[in-house]
Amino acid sequence: MCFNLYAGTIKPIPRKPWNQVLPDLSVRDLAENETAVRTYFTLPVVQYVRSTSHCGCDFPHLMFQNGGWPAPWEDKDPEQAASDRQNQEALVTALQQTGETGVELYGVWSGDLSEPKSVEEISITDLLNPNFYFKEQGFYRVRL
């Protein structure tokens, strides 16, 4: 099972196909089985944003369990920390290139398009914080 990250924008984020040889952030239209996620967005264009793992699993994220989200790991493996940083920076760059003043992000497990358990207002710079983790079923309004 994979963590999926969806982004709502006014104009589409430029589409970038997955490249297995040079893994990087990629963006695609929603698949037919994902269209229900649009329900939670107020912005008109919703797309799926992939990390270097071909899904959203390489974006730092926390699983909802026992009624909440656990505290983030204090001592990250250096390789994981580098991967998180690469994906966070690529996401911020892609969002800034939209030229918009705000975007919406929603992270859920693949196949689970249930409603958000958390709604937060954050700044684009929060996404670069090494201690930032997307919450599973967390919906973010991001100021750019």
N, C-alpha and C. Protein backbone atom coordinates (compact mmCIF):
# COMPACT_ATOMS: atom_id res chain seq x y z
N MET A 1 0.85 -1.17 0.00
CA MET A 1 0.00 0.00 0.00
C MET A 1 0.90 1.24 0.00
N CYS A 2 0.48 2.25 -0.70
CA CYS A 2 1.29 3.46 -0.88
C CYS A 2 0.59 4.71 -0.36
N PHE A 3 1.40 5.67 0.04
CA PHE A 3 0.91 6.99 0.40
C PHE A 3 0.76 7.78 -0.89
N ASN A 4 -0.40 8.40 -1.07
CA ASN A 4 -0.67 9.21 -2.26
C ASN A 4 -0.82 10.66 -1.87
N LEU A 5 -0.27 11.54 -2.68
CA LEU A 5 -0.39 12.98 -2.44
C LEU A 5 -1.09 13.61 -3.63
N TYR A 6 -2.20 14.30 -3.34
CA TYR A 6 -2.97 14.98 -4.37
C TYR A 6 -2.83 16.49 -4.17
N ALA A 7 -2.77 17.22 -5.26
CA ALA A 7 -2.61 18.67 -5.21
C ALA A 7 -3.74 19.34 -5.98
N GLY A 8 -4.35 20.33 -5.34
CA GLY A 8 -5.38 21.13 -5.97
C GLY A 8 -4.81 22.50 -6.31
N THR A 9 -5.03 22.92 -7.55
CA THR A 9 -4.51 24.20 -8.04
C THR A 9 -5.56 24.85 -8.94
N ILE A 10 -5.30 26.10 -9.32
CA ILE A 10 -6.19 26.78 -10.26
C ILE A 10 -5.86 26.35 -11.68
N LYS A 11 -4.56 26.33 -11.99
CA LYS A 11 -4.09 25.84 -13.29
C LYS A 11 -3.30 24.55 -13.05
N PRO A 12 -3.27 23.66 -14.02
CA PRO A 12 -2.55 22.40 -13.81
C PRO A 12 -1.05 22.61 -13.55
N ILE A 13 -0.52 21.81 -12.66
CA ILE A 13 0.93 21.74 -12.51
C ILE A 13 1.42 21.06 -13.79
N PRO A 14 2.50 21.54 -14.39
CA PRO A 14 2.98 20.88 -15.61
C PRO A 14 3.16 19.37 -15.39
N ARG A 15 2.61 18.61 -16.31
CA ARG A 15 2.69 17.15 -16.20
C ARG A 15 4.12 16.71 -16.46
N LYS A 16 4.55 15.78 -15.65
CA LYS A 16 5.90 15.24 -15.77
C LYS A 16 5.78 13.74 -15.57
N PRO A 17 6.07 12.96 -16.60
CA PRO A 17 5.93 11.51 -16.46
C PRO A 17 7.02 10.92 -15.56
N TRP A 18 6.72 9.76 -15.02
CA TRP A 18 7.66 9.02 -14.19
C TRP A 18 8.82 8.54 -15.05
N ASN A 19 10.02 8.65 -14.52
CA ASN A 19 11.22 8.19 -15.22
C ASN A 19 11.96 7.23 -14.30
N GLN A 20 11.90 5.95 -14.61
CA GLN A 20 12.51 4.93 -13.76
C GLN A 20 14.03 5.06 -13.70
N VAL A 21 14.65 5.54 -14.77
CA VAL A 21 16.10 5.68 -14.82
C VAL A 21 16.56 6.83 -13.94
N LEU A 22 15.82 7.94 -13.96
CA LEU A 22 16.15 9.12 -13.16
C LEU A 22 14.94 9.49 -12.30
N PRO A 23 14.70 8.74 -11.21
CA PRO A 23 13.51 9.02 -10.39
C PRO A 23 13.51 10.46 -9.87
N ASP A 24 12.37 11.09 -10.00
CA ASP A 24 12.19 12.48 -9.58
C ASP A 24 10.71 12.68 -9.33
N LEU A 25 10.34 13.85 -8.90
CA LEU A 25 8.95 14.19 -8.74
C LEU A 25 8.26 14.09 -10.10
N SER A 26 7.08 13.50 -10.12
CA SER A 26 6.30 13.45 -11.35
C SER A 26 4.86 13.82 -11.02
N VAL A 27 4.13 14.28 -12.03
CA VAL A 27 2.76 14.73 -11.85
C VAL A 27 1.92 14.15 -12.97
N ARG A 28 0.75 13.63 -12.60
CA ARG A 28 -0.16 13.08 -13.61
C ARG A 28 -1.60 13.45 -13.28
N ASP A 29 -2.46 13.30 -14.29
CA ASP A 29 -3.90 13.48 -14.08
C ASP A 29 -4.40 12.37 -13.16
N LEU A 30 -5.56 12.58 -12.59
CA LEU A 30 -6.15 11.55 -11.75
C LEU A 30 -6.57 10.35 -12.58
N ALA A 31 -6.40 9.16 -12.03
CA ALA A 31 -6.92 7.95 -12.65
C ALA A 31 -8.42 7.90 -12.38
N GLU A 32 -9.12 7.11 -13.15
CA GLU A 32 -10.57 7.03 -13.01
C GLU A 32 -11.00 6.66 -11.59
N ASN A 33 -10.25 5.77 -10.94
CA ASN A 33 -10.61 5.34 -9.58
C ASN A 33 -10.21 6.35 -8.50
N GLU A 34 -9.63 7.48 -8.89
CA GLU A 34 -9.22 8.51 -7.93
C GLU A 34 -10.09 9.77 -7.99
N THR A 35 -10.99 9.85 -8.94
CA THR A 35 -11.73 11.10 -9.16
C THR A 35 -12.57 11.53 -7.96
N ALA A 36 -12.94 10.60 -7.09
CA ALA A 36 -13.74 10.95 -5.91
C ALA A 36 -12.99 11.89 -4.97
N VAL A 37 -11.67 11.93 -5.05
CA VAL A 37 -10.88 12.80 -4.17
C VAL A 37 -11.16 14.28 -4.44
N ARG A 38 -11.65 14.59 -5.63
CA ARG A 38 -11.96 16.00 -5.97
C ARG A 38 -12.95 16.62 -4.99
N THR A 39 -13.77 15.80 -4.36
CA THR A 39 -14.79 16.25 -3.42
C THR A 39 -14.22 17.16 -2.34
N TYR A 40 -13.00 16.92 -1.93
CA TYR A 40 -12.42 17.64 -0.79
C TYR A 40 -11.71 18.93 -1.18
N PHE A 41 -11.54 19.17 -2.45
CA PHE A 41 -10.80 20.33 -2.92
C PHE A 41 -11.73 21.46 -3.32
N THR A 42 -11.29 22.70 -3.03
CA THR A 42 -12.05 23.85 -3.49
C THR A 42 -11.47 24.39 -4.80
N LEU A 43 -10.22 24.03 -5.09
CA LEU A 43 -9.59 24.49 -6.32
C LEU A 43 -9.93 23.53 -7.46
N PRO A 44 -10.05 24.03 -8.69
CA PRO A 44 -10.63 23.24 -9.77
C PRO A 44 -9.78 22.12 -10.37
N VAL A 45 -8.46 22.21 -10.28
CA VAL A 45 -7.62 21.20 -10.91
C VAL A 45 -6.97 20.34 -9.83
N VAL A 46 -7.25 19.05 -9.86
CA VAL A 46 -6.66 18.13 -8.89
C VAL A 46 -5.81 17.12 -9.65
N GLN A 47 -4.59 16.94 -9.17
CA GLN A 47 -3.66 16.03 -9.81
C GLN A 47 -2.92 15.20 -8.77
N TYR A 48 -2.34 14.11 -9.22
CA TYR A 48 -1.59 13.20 -8.36
C TYR A 48 -0.11 13.53 -8.49
N VAL A 49 0.55 13.76 -7.34
CA VAL A 49 1.97 14.11 -7.33
C VAL A 49 2.75 12.93 -6.77
N ARG A 50 3.70 12.46 -7.55
CA ARG A 50 4.51 11.30 -7.14
C ARG A 50 5.89 11.74 -6.68
N SER A 51 6.41 11.05 -5.70
CA SER A 51 7.77 11.29 -5.23
C SER A 51 8.73 10.41 -6.03
N THR A 52 9.96 10.34 -5.59
CA THR A 52 10.97 9.54 -6.28
C THR A 52 10.69 8.04 -6.21
N SER A 53 9.74 7.63 -5.39
CA SER A 53 9.41 6.21 -5.26
C SER A 53 8.31 5.76 -6.22
N HIS A 54 7.87 6.64 -7.12
CA HIS A 54 6.80 6.38 -8.09
C HIS A 54 5.41 6.44 -7.46
N CYS A 55 5.35 6.74 -6.17
CA CYS A 55 4.09 7.00 -5.48
C CYS A 55 4.41 8.14 -4.52
N GLY A 56 3.70 8.30 -3.45
CA GLY A 56 4.01 9.38 -2.52
C GLY A 56 4.80 8.92 -1.30
N CYS A 57 5.24 7.66 -1.31
CA CYS A 57 5.89 7.10 -0.11
C CYS A 57 7.20 7.79 0.26
N ASP A 58 7.85 8.48 -0.67
CA ASP A 58 9.08 9.17 -0.32
C ASP A 58 8.86 10.62 0.11
N PHE A 59 7.59 11.03 0.25
CA PHE A 59 7.30 12.28 0.95
C PHE A 59 7.21 11.89 2.43
N PRO A 60 7.80 12.66 3.32
CA PRO A 60 7.70 12.29 4.73
C PRO A 60 6.24 12.31 5.17
N HIS A 61 5.79 11.23 5.79
CA HIS A 61 4.39 11.13 6.19
C HIS A 61 4.22 10.28 7.45
N LEU A 62 3.11 10.51 8.13
CA LEU A 62 2.76 9.78 9.35
C LEU A 62 1.43 9.07 9.14
N MET A 63 1.34 7.84 9.63
CA MET A 63 0.11 7.07 9.53
C MET A 63 -0.81 7.39 10.70
N PHE A 64 -2.10 7.52 10.40
CA PHE A 64 -3.11 7.72 11.44
C PHE A 64 -3.31 6.38 12.15
N GLN A 65 -3.11 6.37 13.47
CA GLN A 65 -3.28 5.13 14.23
C GLN A 65 -3.68 5.43 15.67
N ASN A 66 -4.51 4.58 16.21
CA ASN A 66 -4.98 4.74 17.60
C ASN A 66 -5.56 6.14 17.86
N GLY A 67 -6.27 6.66 16.86
CA GLY A 67 -6.95 7.94 17.03
C GLY A 67 -6.11 9.18 16.82
N GLY A 68 -4.90 9.02 16.29
CA GLY A 68 -4.05 10.18 16.06
C GLY A 68 -2.80 9.83 15.27
N TRP A 69 -1.90 10.77 15.18
CA TRP A 69 -0.65 10.58 14.45
C TRP A 69 0.49 10.49 15.46
N PRO A 70 1.39 9.54 15.29
CA PRO A 70 2.50 9.42 16.23
C PRO A 70 3.47 10.59 16.07
N ALA A 71 4.29 10.77 17.07
CA ALA A 71 5.34 11.79 16.97
C ALA A 71 6.32 11.38 15.88
N PRO A 72 6.84 12.35 15.13
CA PRO A 72 7.82 12.03 14.09
C PRO A 72 9.08 11.41 14.70
N TRP A 73 9.79 10.66 13.87
CA TRP A 73 11.05 10.07 14.32
C TRP A 73 12.04 11.17 14.60
N GLU A 74 12.73 11.04 15.71
CA GLU A 74 13.73 12.04 16.05
C GLU A 74 15.05 11.79 15.34
N ASP A 75 15.41 10.53 15.21
CA ASP A 75 16.68 10.18 14.56
C ASP A 75 16.41 9.47 13.25
N LYS A 76 16.31 10.25 12.19
CA LYS A 76 16.08 9.68 10.87
C LYS A 76 17.37 9.09 10.33
N ASP A 77 17.24 8.02 9.61
CA ASP A 77 18.36 7.45 8.88
C ASP A 77 18.85 8.52 7.89
N PRO A 78 20.16 8.76 7.78
CA PRO A 78 20.66 9.81 6.88
C PRO A 78 20.20 9.65 5.43
N GLU A 79 20.09 8.43 4.97
CA GLU A 79 19.63 8.19 3.60
C GLU A 79 18.17 8.60 3.44
N GLN A 80 17.34 8.27 4.44
CA GLN A 80 15.93 8.65 4.40
C GLN A 80 15.78 10.16 4.50
N ALA A 81 16.58 10.78 5.35
CA ALA A 81 16.53 12.24 5.50
C ALA A 81 16.88 12.93 4.18
N ALA A 82 17.87 12.40 3.47
CA ALA A 82 18.26 12.97 2.17
C ALA A 82 17.15 12.79 1.14
N SER A 83 16.51 11.63 1.14
CA SER A 83 15.40 11.38 0.23
C SER A 83 14.22 12.30 0.54
N ASP A 84 13.91 12.44 1.83
CA ASP A 84 12.82 13.35 2.24
C ASP A 84 13.12 14.76 1.75
N ARG A 85 14.34 15.21 1.96
CA ARG A 85 14.72 16.58 1.58
C ARG A 85 14.59 16.77 0.07
N GLN A 86 15.09 15.81 -0.71
CA GLN A 86 15.00 15.90 -2.17
C GLN A 86 13.54 16.02 -2.61
N ASN A 87 12.68 15.20 -2.04
CA ASN A 87 11.27 15.22 -2.43
C ASN A 87 10.55 16.46 -1.94
N GLN A 88 10.88 16.94 -0.75
CA GLN A 88 10.28 18.17 -0.24
C GLN A 88 10.67 19.36 -1.13
N GLU A 89 11.95 19.43 -1.49
CA GLU A 89 12.41 20.54 -2.33
C GLU A 89 11.77 20.48 -3.73
N ALA A 90 11.67 19.29 -4.29
CA ALA A 90 11.05 19.15 -5.62
C ALA A 90 9.58 19.54 -5.58
N LEU A 91 8.88 19.17 -4.51
CA LEU A 91 7.47 19.53 -4.37
C LEU A 91 7.32 21.04 -4.26
N VAL A 92 8.12 21.67 -3.42
CA VAL A 92 8.05 23.12 -3.25
C VAL A 92 8.34 23.82 -4.57
N THR A 93 9.35 23.38 -5.29
CA THR A 93 9.68 23.98 -6.59
C THR A 93 8.50 23.87 -7.55
N ALA A 94 7.89 22.68 -7.64
CA ALA A 94 6.75 22.48 -8.54
C ALA A 94 5.58 23.38 -8.16
N LEU A 95 5.32 23.51 -6.86
CA LEU A 95 4.20 24.34 -6.42
C LEU A 95 4.48 25.82 -6.67
N GLN A 96 5.71 26.25 -6.44
CA GLN A 96 6.06 27.65 -6.67
C GLN A 96 5.98 28.00 -8.16
N GLN A 97 6.29 27.05 -9.02
CA GLN A 97 6.26 27.30 -10.46
C GLN A 97 4.85 27.50 -10.98
N THR A 98 3.83 27.18 -10.18
CA THR A 98 2.45 27.41 -10.63
C THR A 98 2.15 28.90 -10.68
N GLY A 99 2.89 29.71 -9.89
CA GLY A 99 2.62 31.14 -9.84
C GLY A 99 1.37 31.49 -9.05
N GLU A 100 0.81 30.51 -8.35
CA GLU A 100 -0.41 30.74 -7.58
C GLU A 100 -0.07 31.23 -6.18
N THR A 101 -1.05 31.80 -5.50
CA THR A 101 -0.82 32.28 -4.14
C THR A 101 -1.13 31.22 -3.11
N GLY A 102 -1.82 30.17 -3.52
CA GLY A 102 -2.15 29.09 -2.60
C GLY A 102 -2.52 27.83 -3.36
N VAL A 103 -2.24 26.70 -2.75
CA VAL A 103 -2.61 25.40 -3.31
C VAL A 103 -3.18 24.55 -2.17
N GLU A 104 -3.76 23.42 -2.54
CA GLU A 104 -4.28 22.49 -1.54
C GLU A 104 -3.60 21.13 -1.74
N LEU A 105 -3.29 20.47 -0.65
CA LEU A 105 -2.65 19.16 -0.69
C LEU A 105 -3.42 18.21 0.21
N TYR A 106 -3.55 16.96 -0.23
CA TYR A 106 -4.24 15.95 0.56
C TYR A 106 -3.48 14.64 0.43
N GLY A 107 -3.09 14.08 1.57
CA GLY A 107 -2.35 12.82 1.57
C GLY A 107 -3.17 11.70 2.17
N VAL A 108 -3.28 10.59 1.44
CA VAL A 108 -4.04 9.43 1.89
C VAL A 108 -3.36 8.15 1.38
N TRP A 109 -3.75 7.04 1.97
CA TRP A 109 -3.25 5.76 1.48
C TRP A 109 -3.98 5.41 0.18
N SER A 110 -3.29 4.74 -0.68
CA SER A 110 -3.84 4.32 -1.96
C SER A 110 -5.15 3.57 -1.75
N GLY A 111 -6.17 4.00 -2.47
CA GLY A 111 -7.47 3.35 -2.39
C GLY A 111 -8.37 3.88 -1.29
N ASP A 112 -7.85 4.69 -0.38
CA ASP A 112 -8.65 5.25 0.71
C ASP A 112 -8.87 6.72 0.43
N LEU A 113 -10.03 7.04 -0.11
CA LEU A 113 -10.33 8.43 -0.43
C LEU A 113 -11.36 9.01 0.54
N SER A 114 -11.31 8.53 1.78
CA SER A 114 -12.25 9.03 2.79
C SER A 114 -11.91 10.46 3.18
N GLU A 115 -12.84 11.10 3.88
CA GLU A 115 -12.69 12.53 4.15
C GLU A 115 -11.53 12.81 5.11
N PRO A 116 -10.98 14.03 5.02
CA PRO A 116 -9.85 14.39 5.86
C PRO A 116 -10.15 14.31 7.36
N LYS A 117 -9.15 13.89 8.12
CA LYS A 117 -9.25 13.86 9.58
C LYS A 117 -8.62 15.12 10.18
N SER A 118 -7.92 15.88 9.33
CA SER A 118 -7.24 17.09 9.79
C SER A 118 -7.22 18.08 8.64
N VAL A 119 -7.45 19.35 8.94
CA VAL A 119 -7.32 20.43 7.95
C VAL A 119 -6.40 21.48 8.57
N GLU A 120 -5.33 21.81 7.85
CA GLU A 120 -4.34 22.75 8.39
C GLU A 120 -4.00 23.81 7.35
N GLU A 121 -3.72 24.99 7.83
CA GLU A 121 -3.22 26.09 7.01
C GLU A 121 -1.72 26.17 7.28
N ILE A 122 -0.91 26.07 6.23
CA ILE A 122 0.54 26.13 6.40
C ILE A 122 1.14 27.03 5.32
N SER A 123 2.40 27.35 5.50
CA SER A 123 3.16 28.12 4.52
C SER A 123 4.00 27.16 3.69
N ILE A 124 4.34 27.56 2.49
CA ILE A 124 5.19 26.74 1.63
C ILE A 124 6.51 26.41 2.32
N THR A 125 7.01 27.32 3.15
CA THR A 125 8.27 27.05 3.83
C THR A 125 8.14 25.93 4.87
N ASP A 126 6.93 25.70 5.38
CA ASP A 126 6.72 24.59 6.32
C ASP A 126 7.04 23.25 5.66
N LEU A 127 6.79 23.15 4.36
CA LEU A 127 7.05 21.90 3.64
C LEU A 127 8.54 21.57 3.59
N LEU A 128 9.39 22.56 3.80
CA LEU A 128 10.84 22.34 3.76
C LEU A 128 11.43 22.03 5.13
N ASN A 129 10.64 22.15 6.16
CA ASN A 129 11.12 21.88 7.51
C ASN A 129 11.46 20.40 7.64
N PRO A 130 12.66 20.05 8.12
CA PRO A 130 13.02 18.64 8.27
C PRO A 130 12.09 17.88 9.21
N ASN A 131 11.36 18.60 10.06
CA ASN A 131 10.43 17.96 10.99
C ASN A 131 8.99 17.93 10.48
N PHE A 132 8.79 18.34 9.21
CA PHE A 132 7.44 18.31 8.64
C PHE A 132 7.15 16.91 8.11
N TYR A 133 5.97 16.42 8.45
CA TYR A 133 5.48 15.14 7.93
C TYR A 133 4.03 15.36 7.50
N PHE A 134 3.67 14.86 6.32
CA PHE A 134 2.28 14.87 5.93
C PHE A 134 1.54 13.90 6.83
N LYS A 135 0.38 14.31 7.31
CA LYS A 135 -0.45 13.41 8.09
C LYS A 135 -1.34 12.63 7.14
N GLU A 136 -1.41 11.33 7.35
CA GLU A 136 -2.35 10.52 6.58
C GLU A 136 -3.74 11.08 6.81
N GLN A 137 -4.49 11.32 5.74
CA GLN A 137 -5.80 11.95 5.75
C GLN A 137 -5.72 13.38 6.28
N GLY A 138 -4.57 14.01 6.05
CA GLY A 138 -4.38 15.40 6.39
C GLY A 138 -4.54 16.27 5.15
N PHE A 139 -5.35 17.30 5.26
CA PHE A 139 -5.61 18.22 4.16
C PHE A 139 -4.93 19.53 4.50
N TYR A 140 -4.18 20.07 3.55
CA TYR A 140 -3.38 21.29 3.79
C TYR A 140 -3.74 22.38 2.79
N ARG A 141 -3.98 23.55 3.32
CA ARG A 141 -4.10 24.76 2.50
C ARG A 141 -2.75 25.45 2.63
N VAL A 142 -2.04 25.52 1.53
CA VAL A 142 -0.65 25.99 1.55
C VAL A 142 -0.56 27.38 0.94
N ARG A 143 -0.06 28.34 1.73
CA ARG A 143 0.19 29.69 1.23
C ARG A 143 1.56 29.71 0.55
N LEU A 144 1.57 30.24 -0.67
CA LEU A 144 2.84 30.27 -1.40
C LEU A 144 3.50 31.63 -1.31
